[in-house]
Amino acid sequence: MKSKYFFVILFLILAMFLSGCGGLVTPATDEAKVKNVIQNYYLAINDQNWSKVKSYCIYGSDQYYKVSLMEDAANVLQQYYGTVTITCFADISNVSVSGSYASAYINVTVVVTAGIYYDTYSDSGYLYLQKVGNSWKLY
């Protein structure tokens, strides 16, 4: 009888420890989430899914405004040249998380084609993110 109580108590203690493990958020997890948001942001640009691109940004932020400008430019190109193709290549490094804020250094190359139109653009610098609820957003 005592061994049954021992196993029940042991099981409950083990269950308490295991249930506590899932709620921990480590900086490495946040760094991975930040990197994932940036990757998905550029993939959405490649797809020209502008509402999805904007969903990765804080509404009204500089980054949100830049997406609106990209969308307008793509629409103008489509009017004059037909189907627009956007391809972004982004290299993400130096992801840093501090509380509700994060930054990541990126090297990005963007290639835009539409009919006979062709342009390429390269840039590097930091992207800044803020944690809103449980998700990271560019600002």
Protein backbone atom coordinates (compact mmCIF):
# COMPACT_ATOMS: atom_id res chain seq x y z
CA MET A 1 0.00 0.00 0.00
CA LYS A 2 2.80 2.39 0.87
CA SER A 3 4.49 1.74 -2.49
CA LYS A 4 1.31 2.82 -4.32
CA TYR A 5 1.30 6.13 -2.46
CA PHE A 6 4.98 6.55 -3.17
CA PHE A 7 4.43 6.07 -6.93
CA VAL A 8 1.41 8.38 -6.95
CA ILE A 9 3.37 11.13 -5.16
CA LEU A 10 6.39 10.55 -7.40
CA PHE A 11 4.14 10.80 -10.48
CA LEU A 12 2.55 14.05 -9.25
CA ILE A 13 5.95 15.60 -8.52
CA LEU A 14 7.21 14.59 -11.97
CA ALA A 15 4.04 16.01 -13.58
CA MET A 16 4.55 19.34 -11.79
CA PHE A 17 8.13 19.60 -13.02
CA LEU A 18 7.23 18.70 -16.59
CA SER A 19 4.27 21.08 -16.73
CA GLY A 20 6.52 23.92 -15.61
CA CYS A 21 8.97 23.34 -18.45
CA GLY A 22 6.60 24.32 -21.24
CA GLY A 23 5.98 27.85 -20.02
CA LEU A 24 9.56 29.01 -20.06
CA VAL A 25 10.57 31.40 -22.82
CA THR A 26 14.26 31.46 -23.39
CA PRO A 27 16.09 34.17 -25.31
CA ALA A 28 17.08 31.56 -27.90
CA THR A 29 13.38 30.87 -28.53
CA ASP A 30 12.68 34.59 -28.97
CA GLU A 31 15.69 34.90 -31.28
CA ALA A 32 14.33 32.07 -33.42
CA LYS A 33 10.89 33.72 -33.48
CA VAL A 34 12.41 37.06 -34.53
CA LYS A 35 14.37 35.40 -37.32
CA ASN A 36 11.25 33.52 -38.43
CA VAL A 37 9.19 36.74 -38.58
CA ILE A 38 11.82 38.42 -40.75
CA GLN A 39 12.04 35.40 -43.08
CA ASN A 40 8.25 35.24 -43.41
CA TYR A 41 8.12 38.99 -44.01
CA TYR A 42 10.42 38.65 -47.03
CA LEU A 43 8.62 35.53 -48.28
CA ALA A 44 5.34 37.47 -48.20
CA ILE A 45 7.00 40.25 -50.23
CA ASN A 46 8.10 37.63 -52.78
CA ASP A 47 4.45 36.48 -52.98
CA GLN A 48 3.27 40.10 -53.12
CA ASN A 49 0.78 39.25 -50.39
CA TRP A 50 0.71 42.82 -49.12
CA SER A 51 -1.82 42.28 -46.33
CA LYS A 52 0.35 39.47 -44.97
CA VAL A 53 3.49 41.63 -45.27
CA LYS A 54 1.73 44.38 -43.33
CA SER A 55 0.64 41.88 -40.69
CA TYR A 56 4.32 41.45 -39.76
CA CYS A 57 4.55 45.21 -39.06
CA ILE A 58 3.19 47.44 -36.34
CA TYR A 59 0.35 49.44 -37.88
CA GLY A 60 1.42 53.01 -38.63
CA SER A 61 5.14 52.35 -38.12
CA ASP A 62 7.89 53.32 -40.57
CA GLN A 63 8.14 49.71 -41.73
CA TYR A 64 4.37 49.57 -42.35
CA TYR A 65 4.66 52.77 -44.39
CA LYS A 66 7.53 51.30 -46.46
CA VAL A 67 5.38 48.28 -47.27
CA SER A 68 2.61 50.58 -48.49
CA LEU A 69 5.12 52.33 -50.78
CA MET A 70 6.34 48.95 -52.12
CA GLU A 71 2.75 47.90 -52.80
CA ASP A 72 2.02 51.16 -54.65
CA ALA A 73 5.21 50.82 -56.72
CA ALA A 74 4.37 47.22 -57.65
CA ASN A 75 0.87 48.30 -58.72
CA VAL A 76 2.27 51.08 -60.93
CA LEU A 77 4.76 48.68 -62.52
CA GLN A 78 1.96 46.21 -63.19
CA GLN A 79 -0.09 48.92 -64.93
CA TYR A 80 2.77 49.79 -67.29
CA TYR A 81 4.63 46.49 -67.77
CA GLY A 82 2.31 43.65 -66.81
CA THR A 83 3.07 40.89 -64.34
CA VAL A 84 5.51 41.93 -61.61
CA THR A 85 7.94 39.48 -60.02
CA ILE A 86 9.72 40.38 -56.80
CA THR A 87 12.47 38.19 -55.39
CA CYS A 88 14.10 39.03 -52.06
CA PHE A 89 17.24 37.37 -50.74
CA ALA A 90 17.83 38.21 -47.08
CA ASP A 91 20.74 37.17 -44.88
CA ILE A 92 19.86 37.63 -41.20
CA SER A 93 22.51 37.87 -38.50
CA ASN A 94 23.22 39.39 -35.07
CA VAL A 95 19.73 38.84 -33.68
CA SER A 96 19.49 40.51 -30.29
CA VAL A 97 16.53 40.38 -27.90
CA SER A 98 16.11 42.68 -24.93
CA GLY A 99 12.77 42.32 -23.19
CA SER A 100 10.00 43.35 -25.59
CA TYR A 101 12.40 44.70 -28.22
CA ALA A 102 14.67 43.02 -30.72
CA SER A 103 16.97 43.88 -33.57
CA ALA A 104 18.56 41.93 -36.38
CA TYR A 105 21.17 42.88 -38.96
CA ILE A 106 20.18 42.04 -42.52
CA ASN A 107 21.79 42.06 -45.93
CA VAL A 108 19.02 42.08 -48.50
CA THR A 109 18.98 41.99 -52.28
CA VAL A 110 15.73 42.64 -54.11
CA VAL A 111 15.23 41.82 -57.79
CA VAL A 112 12.17 43.24 -59.53
CA THR A 113 11.11 42.28 -63.04
CA ALA A 114 8.03 43.25 -65.02
CA GLY A 115 7.93 42.78 -68.78
CA ILE A 116 11.05 44.53 -70.08
CA TYR A 117 11.59 46.29 -66.74
CA TYR A 118 14.38 44.98 -64.54
CA ASP A 119 15.85 46.49 -61.37
CA THR A 120 17.95 45.24 -58.51
CA TYR A 121 18.51 46.80 -55.12
CA SER A 122 20.83 45.82 -52.30
CA ASP A 123 20.97 47.21 -48.79
CA SER A 124 22.07 46.27 -45.31
CA GLY A 125 21.24 47.51 -41.85
CA TYR A 126 19.22 46.77 -38.78
CA LEU A 127 15.56 45.85 -38.61
CA TYR A 128 13.84 46.55 -35.31
CA LEU A 129 11.03 44.54 -33.81
CA GLN A 130 8.69 44.84 -30.84
CA LYS A 131 6.82 42.07 -29.09
CA VAL A 132 3.08 42.64 -29.35
CA GLY A 133 1.18 40.03 -27.37
CA ASN A 134 2.93 36.78 -28.21
CA SER A 135 4.22 37.81 -31.64
CA TRP A 136 7.09 39.92 -32.89
CA LYS A 137 6.40 42.76 -35.32
CA LEU A 138 8.63 45.06 -37.33
CA TYR A 139 8.44 48.77 -36.66
